[in-house]
C-alpha atoms as a PDB file:
ATOM      1  CA  MET A   1      79.672  89.724 100.053  1.00  0.00           C
ATOM      2  CA  GLN A   2      78.106  86.778  98.234  1.00  0.00           C
ATOM      3  CA  ALA A   3      80.324  83.784  97.412  1.00  0.00           C
ATOM      4  CA  LEU A   4      80.642  82.654  93.785  1.00  0.00           C
ATOM      5  CA  SER A   5      81.977  79.399  92.327  1.00  0.00           C
ATOM      6  CA  LEU A   6      83.250  79.800  88.760  1.00  0.00           C
ATOM      7  CA  ALA A   7      85.105  77.829  86.070  1.00  0.00           C
ATOM      8  CA  ALA A   8      83.536  74.492  87.053  1.00  0.00           C
ATOM      9  CA  GLY A   9      84.178  75.147  90.731  1.00  0.00           C
ATOM     10  CA  ARG A  10      87.892  75.838  90.288  1.00  0.00           C
ATOM     11  CA  VAL A  11      87.764  79.600  90.919  1.00  0.00           C
ATOM     12  CA  ALA A  12      86.327  81.240  94.028  1.00  0.00           C
ATOM     13  CA  ALA A  13      85.081  84.813  94.104  1.00  0.00           C
ATOM     14  CA  ARG A  14      82.885  87.168  96.082  1.00  0.00           C
ATOM     15  CA  THR A  15      80.535  89.818  94.821  1.00  0.00           C
ATOM     16  CA  ALA A  16      78.246  92.585  96.033  1.00  0.00           C
ATOM     17  CA  GLY A  17      76.108  95.306  94.580  1.00  0.00           C
ATOM     18  CA  ALA A  18      74.365  95.444  91.223  1.00  0.00           C
ATOM     19  CA  GLY A  19      74.982  97.062  87.876  1.00  0.00           C
ATOM     20  CA  PRO A  20      77.927  96.924  85.466  1.00  0.00           C
ATOM     21  CA  THR A  21      80.523  94.337  86.498  1.00  0.00           C
ATOM     22  CA  ILE A  22      84.128  95.085  87.415  1.00  0.00           C
ATOM     23  CA  VAL A  23      86.384  92.108  88.192  1.00  0.00           C
ATOM     24  CA  LEU A  24      89.203  92.737  90.684  1.00  0.00           C
ATOM     25  CA  LEU A  25      92.449  90.709  90.524  1.00  0.00           C
ATOM     26  CA  HIS A  26      94.958  90.922  93.379  1.00  0.00           C
ATOM     27  CA  SER A  27      98.758  91.022  93.565  1.00  0.00           C
ATOM     28  CA  LEU A  28     101.098  88.084  94.237  1.00  0.00           C
ATOM     29  CA  LEU A  29     102.143  89.571  97.584  1.00  0.00           C
ATOM     30  CA  ALA A  30      98.615  90.561  98.648  1.00  0.00           C
ATOM     31  CA  ASP A  31      95.576  88.294  98.567  1.00  0.00           C
ATOM     32  CA  ALA A  32      92.038  89.124  97.421  1.00  0.00           C
ATOM     33  CA  ALA A  33      91.327  90.968 100.675  1.00  0.00           C
ATOM     34  CA  SER A  34      93.493  93.790  99.326  1.00  0.00           C
ATOM     35  CA  CYS A  35      90.719  94.560  96.816  1.00  0.00           C
ATOM     36  CA  VAL A  36      87.793  94.444  99.259  1.00  0.00           C
ATOM     37  CA  PRO A  37      87.966  98.107 100.432  1.00  0.00           C
ATOM     38  CA  LEU A  38      87.748  99.224  96.801  1.00  0.00           C
ATOM     39  CA  ALA A  39      84.920  96.758  96.136  1.00  0.00           C
ATOM     40  CA  HIS A  40      82.879  98.236  98.994  1.00  0.00           C
ATOM     41  CA  ARG A  41      83.246 101.704  97.468  1.00  0.00           C
ATOM     42  CA  LEU A  42      82.231 100.449  94.042  1.00  0.00           C
ATOM     43  CA  ALA A  43      79.224  98.396  95.192  1.00  0.00           C
ATOM     44  CA  PRO A  44      76.688 101.248  95.443  1.00  0.00           C
ATOM     45  CA  ARG A  45      76.716 101.658  91.657  1.00  0.00           C
ATOM     46  CA  MET A  46      78.521  98.621  90.219  1.00  0.00           C
ATOM     47  CA  ARG A  47      78.857  94.891  90.701  1.00  0.00           C
ATOM     48  CA  PRO A  48      82.447  94.308  91.884  1.00  0.00           C
ATOM     49  CA  VAL A  49      83.675  90.709  91.716  1.00  0.00           C
ATOM     50  CA  VAL A  50      86.693  90.040  93.960  1.00  0.00           C
ATOM     51  CA  LEU A  51      88.373  86.935  92.575  1.00  0.00           C
ATOM     52  CA  ASP A  52      90.900  84.591  94.212  1.00  0.00           C
ATOM     53  CA  LEU A  53      93.615  84.011  91.631  1.00  0.00           C
ATOM     54  CA  PRO A  54      94.450  80.341  90.933  1.00  0.00           C
ATOM     55  CA  GLY A  55      96.261  78.818  93.898  1.00  0.00           C
ATOM     56  CA  PHE A  56      95.067  81.530  96.300  1.00  0.00           C
ATOM     57  CA  GLY A  57      92.174  81.423  98.759  1.00  0.00           C
ATOM     58  CA  GLY A  58      89.481  79.078  97.500  1.00  0.00           C
ATOM     59  CA  SER A  59      90.770  78.812  93.917  1.00  0.00           C
ATOM     60  CA  ALA A  60      92.519  75.677  92.683  1.00  0.00           C
ATOM     61  CA  PRO A  61      96.073  76.074  91.353  1.00  0.00           C
ATOM     62  CA  VAL A  62      96.863  75.785  87.644  1.00  0.00           C
ATOM     63  CA  ALA A  63      99.756  73.754  86.279  1.00  0.00           C
ATOM     64  CA  GLY A  64     101.473  75.668  83.506  1.00  0.00           C
ATOM     65  CA  ASP A  65     102.683  79.111  82.597  1.00  0.00           C
ATOM     66  CA  LEU A  66     101.138  82.534  83.145  1.00  0.00           C
ATOM     67  CA  ALA A  67      99.062  82.168  79.978  1.00  0.00           C
ATOM     68  CA  ALA A  68      97.453  79.011  81.391  1.00  0.00           C
ATOM     69  CA  ILE A  69      96.647  80.830  84.621  1.00  0.00           C
ATOM     70  CA  ALA A  70      95.167  83.738  82.653  1.00  0.00           C
ATOM     71  CA  ASP A  71      93.062  81.306  80.659  1.00  0.00           C
ATOM     72  CA  ARG A  72      91.576  79.864  83.863  1.00  0.00           C
ATOM     73  CA  VAL A  73      90.711  83.358  85.071  1.00  0.00           C
ATOM     74  CA  ALA A  74      89.229  84.169  81.656  1.00  0.00           C
ATOM     75  CA  ASP A  75      86.980  81.097  81.959  1.00  0.00           C
ATOM     76  CA  ALA A  76      85.818  82.393  85.342  1.00  0.00           C
ATOM     77  CA  ILE A  77      85.032  85.817  83.867  1.00  0.00           C
ATOM     78  CA  ALA A  78      83.077  84.190  81.036  1.00  0.00           C
ATOM     79  CA  ASP A  79      81.051  82.272  83.650  1.00  0.00           C
ATOM     80  CA  LEU A  80      79.822  85.573  85.111  1.00  0.00           C
ATOM     81  CA  ASP A  81      77.546  85.764  82.050  1.00  0.00           C
ATOM     82  CA  CYS A  82      77.531  89.567  82.038  1.00  0.00           C
ATOM     83  CA  PRO A  83      75.157  91.313  79.601  1.00  0.00           C
ATOM     84  CA  HIS A  84      78.103  93.516  78.589  1.00  0.00           C
ATOM     85  CA  PRO A  85      81.842  92.756  78.840  1.00  0.00           C
ATOM     86  CA  PRO A  86      83.061  93.758  82.314  1.00  0.00           C
ATOM     87  CA  ILE A  87      85.857  96.095  83.309  1.00  0.00           C
ATOM     88  CA  LEU A  88      88.943  94.227  84.533  1.00  0.00           C
ATOM     89  CA  PHE A  89      91.136  95.617  87.304  1.00  0.00           C
ATOM     90  CA  GLY A  90      94.495  94.004  87.989  1.00  0.00           C
ATOM     91  CA  ASN A  91      97.108  94.818  90.615  1.00  0.00           C
ATOM     92  CA  GLY A  92     100.685  93.569  90.273  1.00  0.00           C
ATOM     93  CA  TYR A  93     100.562  89.853  89.411  1.00  0.00           C
ATOM     94  CA  GLY A  94      96.866  90.346  88.695  1.00  0.00           C
ATOM     95  CA  SER A  95      97.678  93.118  86.212  1.00  0.00           C
ATOM     96  CA  PHE A  96      99.809  90.778  84.113  1.00  0.00           C
ATOM     97  CA  ILE A  97      97.022  88.204  84.112  1.00  0.00           C
ATOM     98  CA  ALA A  98      94.585  90.951  83.093  1.00  0.00           C
ATOM     99  CA  LEU A  99      96.878  91.973  80.235  1.00  0.00           C
ATOM    100  CA  LEU A 100      97.127  88.392  78.969  1.00  0.00           C
ATOM    101  CA  ILE A 101      93.347  87.992  79.086  1.00  0.00           C
ATOM    102  CA  ALA A 102      92.858  91.170  77.056  1.00  0.00           C
ATOM    103  CA  ILE A 103      95.538  90.084  74.565  1.00  0.00           C
ATOM    104  CA  ASN A 104      94.467  86.436  74.177  1.00  0.00           C
ATOM    105  CA  ARG A 105      90.696  86.733  74.663  1.00  0.00           C
ATOM    106  CA  PRO A 106      89.775  90.077  73.045  1.00  0.00           C
ATOM    107  CA  GLY A 107      86.163  91.012  73.570  1.00  0.00           C
ATOM    108  CA  LEU A 108      85.928  89.310  76.961  1.00  0.00           C
ATOM    109  CA  VAL A 109      86.566  92.597  78.808  1.00  0.00           C
ATOM    110  CA  SER A 110      85.639  96.159  77.888  1.00  0.00           C
ATOM    111  CA  ARG A 111      88.314  98.171  79.710  1.00  0.00           C
ATOM    112  CA  LEU A 112      91.469  97.588  81.730  1.00  0.00           C
ATOM    113  CA  VAL A 113      92.504  99.365  84.912  1.00  0.00           C
ATOM    114  CA  LEU A 114      96.031  98.315  85.873  1.00  0.00           C
ATOM    115  CA  ALA A 115      97.931  99.207  89.054  1.00  0.00           C
ATOM    116  CA  GLY A 116     101.528  98.237  89.737  1.00  0.00           C
ATOM    117  CA  THR A 117     102.189  96.941  86.249  1.00  0.00           C
ATOM    118  CA  GLY A 118     104.496  96.917  83.238  1.00  0.00           C
ATOM    119  CA  ALA A 119     105.424  94.989  80.117  1.00  0.00           C
ATOM    120  CA  ALA A 120     108.635  93.376  81.401  1.00  0.00           C
ATOM    121  CA  PHE A 121     110.894  93.595  84.442  1.00  0.00           C
ATOM    122  CA  SER A 122     114.380  95.068  84.310  1.00  0.00           C
ATOM    123  CA  PRO A 123     117.373  92.775  84.966  1.00  0.00           C
ATOM    124  CA  PRO A 124     117.415  93.833  88.659  1.00  0.00           C
ATOM    125  CA  GLY A 125     113.660  93.187  88.829  1.00  0.00           C
ATOM    126  CA  ARG A 126     114.102  89.711  87.359  1.00  0.00           C
ATOM    127  CA  ALA A 127     116.918  89.013  89.801  1.00  0.00           C
ATOM    128  CA  ALA A 128     114.665  90.046  92.701  1.00  0.00           C
ATOM    129  CA  PHE A 129     112.135  87.352  91.792  1.00  0.00           C
ATOM    130  CA  ALA A 130     114.873  84.730  91.537  1.00  0.00           C
ATOM    131  CA  ALA A 131     116.256  85.805  94.929  1.00  0.00           C
ATOM    132  CA  MET A 132     112.838  85.677  96.596  1.00  0.00           C
ATOM    133  CA  ALA A 133     112.073  82.253  95.132  1.00  0.00           C
ATOM    134  CA  ASN A 134     115.459  80.865  96.208  1.00  0.00           C
ATOM    135  CA  ALA A 135     115.181  82.272  99.731  1.00  0.00           C
ATOM    136  CA  ALA A 136     111.629  80.973 100.133  1.00  0.00           C
ATOM    137  CA  ALA A 137     112.622  77.514  98.871  1.00  0.00           C
ATOM    138  CA  ALA A 138     115.557  77.347 101.282  1.00  0.00           C
ATOM    139  CA  ARG A 139     114.042  78.906 104.404  1.00  0.00           C
ATOM    140  CA  GLY A 140     110.291  79.292 103.844  1.00  0.00           C
ATOM    141  CA  LEU A 141     108.110  82.290 103.092  1.00  0.00           C
ATOM    142  CA  ALA A 142     109.007  83.884 106.427  1.00  0.00           C
ATOM    143  CA  ALA A 143     112.476  84.488 104.998  1.00  0.00           C
ATOM    144  CA  VAL A 144     111.058  86.890 102.408  1.00  0.00           C
ATOM    145  CA  ALA A 145     108.181  88.405 104.420  1.00  0.00           C
ATOM    146  CA  ASP A 146     110.077  91.626 105.158  1.00  0.00           C
ATOM    147  CA  THR A 147     110.990  91.949 101.474  1.00  0.00           C
ATOM    148  CA  ALA A 148     107.375  91.363 100.512  1.00  0.00           C
ATOM    149  CA  MET A 149     106.137  94.123 102.827  1.00  0.00           C
ATOM    150  CA  THR A 150     108.765  96.530 101.470  1.00  0.00           C
ATOM    151  CA  ARG A 151     107.627  95.785  97.928  1.00  0.00           C
ATOM    152  CA  LEU A 152     104.005  96.463  98.930  1.00  0.00           C
ATOM    153  CA  PHE A 153     104.406  99.601 101.058  1.00  0.00           C
ATOM    154  CA  ALA A 154     106.940 102.374 101.598  1.00  0.00           C
ATOM    155  CA  PRO A 155     108.773 102.340 104.959  1.00  0.00           C
ATOM    156  CA  ASP A 156     106.978 105.425 106.310  1.00  0.00           C
ATOM    157  CA  PHE A 157     103.574 103.867 105.594  1.00  0.00           C
ATOM    158  CA  GLN A 158     104.618 100.624 107.278  1.00  0.00           C
ATOM    159  CA  GLU A 159     105.726 102.511 110.375  1.00  0.00           C
ATOM    160  CA  ALA A 160     102.457 104.467 110.553  1.00  0.00           C
ATOM    161  CA  ASN A 161     100.194 101.434 109.977  1.00  0.00           C
ATOM    162  CA  PRO A 162     101.503  98.492 112.036  1.00  0.00           C
ATOM    163  CA  THR A 163      98.118  96.736 112.305  1.00  0.00           C
ATOM    164  CA  LEU A 164      97.598  96.682 108.538  1.00  0.00           C
ATOM    165  CA  ILE A 165     101.182  95.509 107.965  1.00  0.00           C
ATOM    166  CA  ALA A 166     100.694  92.678 110.478  1.00  0.00           C
ATOM    167  CA  GLU A 167      97.513  91.632 108.653  1.00  0.00           C
ATOM    168  CA  ARG A 168      99.276  91.736 105.286  1.00  0.00           C
ATOM    169  CA  ARG A 169     102.222  89.736 106.616  1.00  0.00           C
ATOM    170  CA  THR A 170      99.867  87.053 107.937  1.00  0.00           C
ATOM    171  CA  ALA A 171      98.082  86.897 104.581  1.00  0.00           C
ATOM    172  CA  PHE A 172     101.386  86.612 102.714  1.00  0.00           C
ATOM    173  CA  LEU A 173     102.591  83.787 104.952  1.00  0.00           C
ATOM    174  CA  ALA A 174      99.394  81.862 104.111  1.00  0.00           C
ATOM    175  CA  THR A 175     100.414  81.747 100.424  1.00  0.00           C
ATOM    176  CA  ASP A 176     101.095  78.279  99.023  1.00  0.00           C
ATOM    177  CA  PRO A 177     104.909  78.145  98.640  1.00  0.00           C
ATOM    178  CA  ALA A 178     104.617  76.172  95.388  1.00  0.00           C
ATOM    179  CA  VAL A 179     102.246  78.784  93.929  1.00  0.00           C
ATOM    180  CA  PHE A 180     104.613  81.556  95.035  1.00  0.00           C
ATOM    181  CA  ALA A 181     107.598  79.860  93.397  1.00  0.00           C
ATOM    182  CA  GLN A 182     105.659  79.272  90.174  1.00  0.00           C
ATOM    183  CA  ALA A 183     104.558  82.927  90.049  1.00  0.00           C
ATOM    184  CA  CYS A 184     108.088  84.209  90.715  1.00  0.00           C
ATOM    185  CA  ALA A 185     109.418  82.092  87.848  1.00  0.00           C
ATOM    186  CA  ALA A 186     106.677  83.357  85.524  1.00  0.00           C
ATOM    187  CA  LEU A 187     107.271  86.997  86.412  1.00  0.00           C
ATOM    188  CA  GLU A 188     111.020  86.609  86.046  1.00  0.00           C
ATOM    189  CA  GLN A 189     110.435  85.586  82.420  1.00  0.00           C
ATOM    190  CA  LEU A 190     107.559  87.979  81.698  1.00  0.00           C
ATOM    191  CA  ASP A 191     107.852  89.958  78.464  1.00  0.00           C
ATOM    192  CA  LEU A 192     104.743  91.512  76.927  1.00  0.00           C
ATOM    193  CA  THR A 193     106.537  94.359  75.174  1.00  0.00           C
ATOM    194  CA  THR A 194     105.367  93.267  71.728  1.00  0.00           C
ATOM    195  CA  GLU A 195     101.944  91.866  72.635  1.00  0.00           C
ATOM    196  CA  ALA A 196     100.962  95.050  74.502  1.00  0.00           C
ATOM    197  CA  THR A 197     101.048  97.033  71.266  1.00  0.00           C
ATOM    198  CA  THR A 198      98.184  94.901  69.888  1.00  0.00           C
ATOM    199  CA  LEU A 199      95.658  95.952  72.537  1.00  0.00           C
ATOM    200  CA  ARG A 200      92.648  97.812  71.176  1.00  0.00           C
ATOM    201  CA  LEU A 201      90.569  98.691  74.220  1.00  0.00           C
ATOM    202  CA  PRO A 202      90.632 101.582  76.712  1.00  0.00           C
ATOM    203  CA  VAL A 203      93.418 101.150  79.280  1.00  0.00           C
ATOM    204  CA  LEU A 204      94.173 103.188  82.394  1.00  0.00           C
ATOM    205  CA  ILE A 205      97.468 102.539  84.180  1.00  0.00           C
ATOM    206  CA  VAL A 206      97.789 103.833  87.735  1.00  0.00           C
ATOM    207  CA  THR A 207     101.050 103.536  89.635  1.00  0.00           C
ATOM    208  CA  GLY A 208     102.188 104.649  93.037  1.00  0.00           C
ATOM    209  CA  ALA A 209     105.150 107.022  93.059  1.00  0.00           C
ATOM    210  CA  GLN A 210     106.691 104.902  95.845  1.00  0.00           C
ATOM    211  CA  ASP A 211     106.144 101.547  94.116  1.00  0.00           C
ATOM    212  CA  ALA A 212     109.321  99.483  94.645  1.00  0.00           C
ATOM    213  CA  ALA A 213     107.945  96.312  93.012  1.00  0.00           C
ATOM    214  CA  THR A 214     106.851  97.785  89.669  1.00  0.00           C
ATOM    215  CA  PRO A 215     108.479 101.235  89.537  1.00  0.00           C
ATOM    216  CA  PRO A 216     106.733 104.134  87.778  1.00  0.00           C
ATOM    217  CA  ALA A 217     109.145 103.985  84.821  1.00  0.00           C
ATOM    218  CA  MET A 218     108.098 100.390  84.182  1.00  0.00           C
ATOM    219  CA  ALA A 219     104.422 101.333  84.220  1.00  0.00           C
ATOM    220  CA  SER A 220     104.872 104.407  82.020  1.00  0.00           C
ATOM    221  CA  ASN A 221     106.823 102.298  79.531  1.00  0.00           C
ATOM    222  CA  LEU A 222     103.836  99.960  79.233  1.00  0.00           C
ATOM    223  CA  ALA A 223     101.455 102.915  78.823  1.00  0.00           C
ATOM    224  CA  ALA A 224     103.586 104.208  75.943  1.00  0.00           C
ATOM    225  CA  ARG A 225     103.262 100.843  74.169  1.00  0.00           C
ATOM    226  CA  ILE A 226      99.466 100.585  74.346  1.00  0.00           C
ATOM    227  CA  PRO A 227      97.652 102.760  71.791  1.00  0.00           C
ATOM    228  CA  GLY A 228      95.631 105.427  73.598  1.00  0.00           C
ATOM    229  CA  ALA A 229      96.502 104.250  77.112  1.00  0.00           C
ATOM    230  CA  GLN A 230      96.169 106.736  79.965  1.00  0.00           C
ATOM    231  CA  PHE A 231      98.743 106.983  82.768  1.00  0.00           C
ATOM    232  CA  THR A 232      98.248 108.355  86.280  1.00  0.00           C
ATOM    233  CA  LEU A 233     100.867 108.679  89.021  1.00  0.00           C
ATOM    234  CA  LEU A 234      99.696 108.684  92.648  1.00  0.00           C
ATOM    235  CA  ASP A 235     102.090 110.349  95.046  1.00  0.00           C
ATOM    236  CA  ALA A 236     102.569 108.867  98.535  1.00  0.00           C
ATOM    237  CA  CYS A 237     101.313 105.455  97.333  1.00  0.00           C
ATOM    238  CA  ALA A 238     103.215 102.251  96.614  1.00  0.00           C
ATOM    239  CA  HIS A 239     102.350  98.880  95.031  1.00  0.00           C
ATOM    240  CA  VAL A 240      98.790  98.386  96.309  1.00  0.00           C
ATOM    241  CA  PRO A 241      97.164 101.838  96.065  1.00  0.00           C
ATOM    242  CA  GLN A 242      93.640 100.363  96.101  1.00  0.00           C
ATOM    243  CA  LEU A 243      94.374  99.116  99.640  1.00  0.00           C
ATOM    244  CA  GLN A 244      96.658 101.882 100.863  1.00  0.00           C
ATOM    245  CA  ASP A 245      94.228 104.674  99.920  1.00  0.00           C
ATOM    246  CA  PRO A 246      91.043 103.206  98.373  1.00  0.00           C
ATOM    247  CA  ALA A 247      89.159 106.506  98.331  1.00  0.00           C
ATOM    248  CA  ARG A 248      91.927 108.294  96.419  1.00  0.00           C
ATOM    249  CA  PHE A 249      92.399 105.324  94.105  1.00  0.00           C
ATOM    250  CA  LEU A 250      88.691 105.334  93.263  1.00  0.00           C
ATOM    251  CA  ALA A 251      88.864 109.071  92.571  1.00  0.00           C
ATOM    252  CA  ALA A 252      91.766 108.419  90.178  1.00  0.00           C
ATOM    253  CA  ILE A 253      89.826 105.840  88.144  1.00  0.00           C
ATOM    254  CA  GLU A 254      86.329 107.302  88.482  1.00  0.00           C
ATOM    255  CA  SER A 255      86.124 109.170  85.195  1.00  0.00           C
ATOM    256  CA  PHE A 256      87.658 106.212  83.335  1.00  0.00           C
ATOM    257  CA  ILE A 257      85.103 103.686  84.582  1.00  0.00           C
ATOM    258  CA  ALA A 258      82.200 106.166  84.358  1.00  0.00           C
ATOM    259  CA  PRO A 259      81.015 105.089  80.869  1.00  0.00           C
ATOM    260  CA  ALA A 260      80.198 101.633  82.239  1.00  0.00           C
ATOM    261  CA  THR A 261      78.118 103.081  85.066  1.00  0.00           C
ATOM    262  CA  VAL A 262      75.825 105.144  82.856  1.00  0.00           C
ATOM    263  CA  ALA A 263      72.391 103.531  82.727  1.00  0.00           C
END
């Protein structure tokens, strides 16, 4: 994949292929590599752009709240200079950034595909972010690595795929602890229940039936708030379906992204 430098060199990305652009935003617990298998499947007919979120990989961190982070990513998308607004895919943390971009910068993207998402976390969900942040601050990211893997994948998948889990654990442990703490605080306070109702673009929400981080009820609640949003449940998948089963995930979104691929 070809390296890109966007937003005045503050955002790193990689791209491949040619055609309509789809920008891929990763989860907090999984870096940009979690979107690469999907990007390879999209490249024969689209131009996937796999972006490092601020503070991850080669992208500089952003001081401020989630809206400030979304604004930086929006600047990077604008720098792609696409002839038509791209599709935006967001997973987990990336899905909330994608939502904020669509809410605050309407017209910058044409469609949203969201996986592992929602409008706001439940009280237990908020408490989980506080607990992870506190444990990481006291004992380092290794103290929450097992929790992170459980939030990404169901236990049976972890047991059957030890090599992938080891890779994901290594990637998680490379996260900047300050960026992790900032993101946990932002997600603990996240509430887009009102703003989501203002969206006026096609939205597809895909959630894994085994998603422990953003449970299906949370995702379906968001879908009900967005006018015309579509909702798809993938059985035997958890929080990162585009990595766990990229072929099946692509099949689930294929008809939704098809209008952008028509010459």
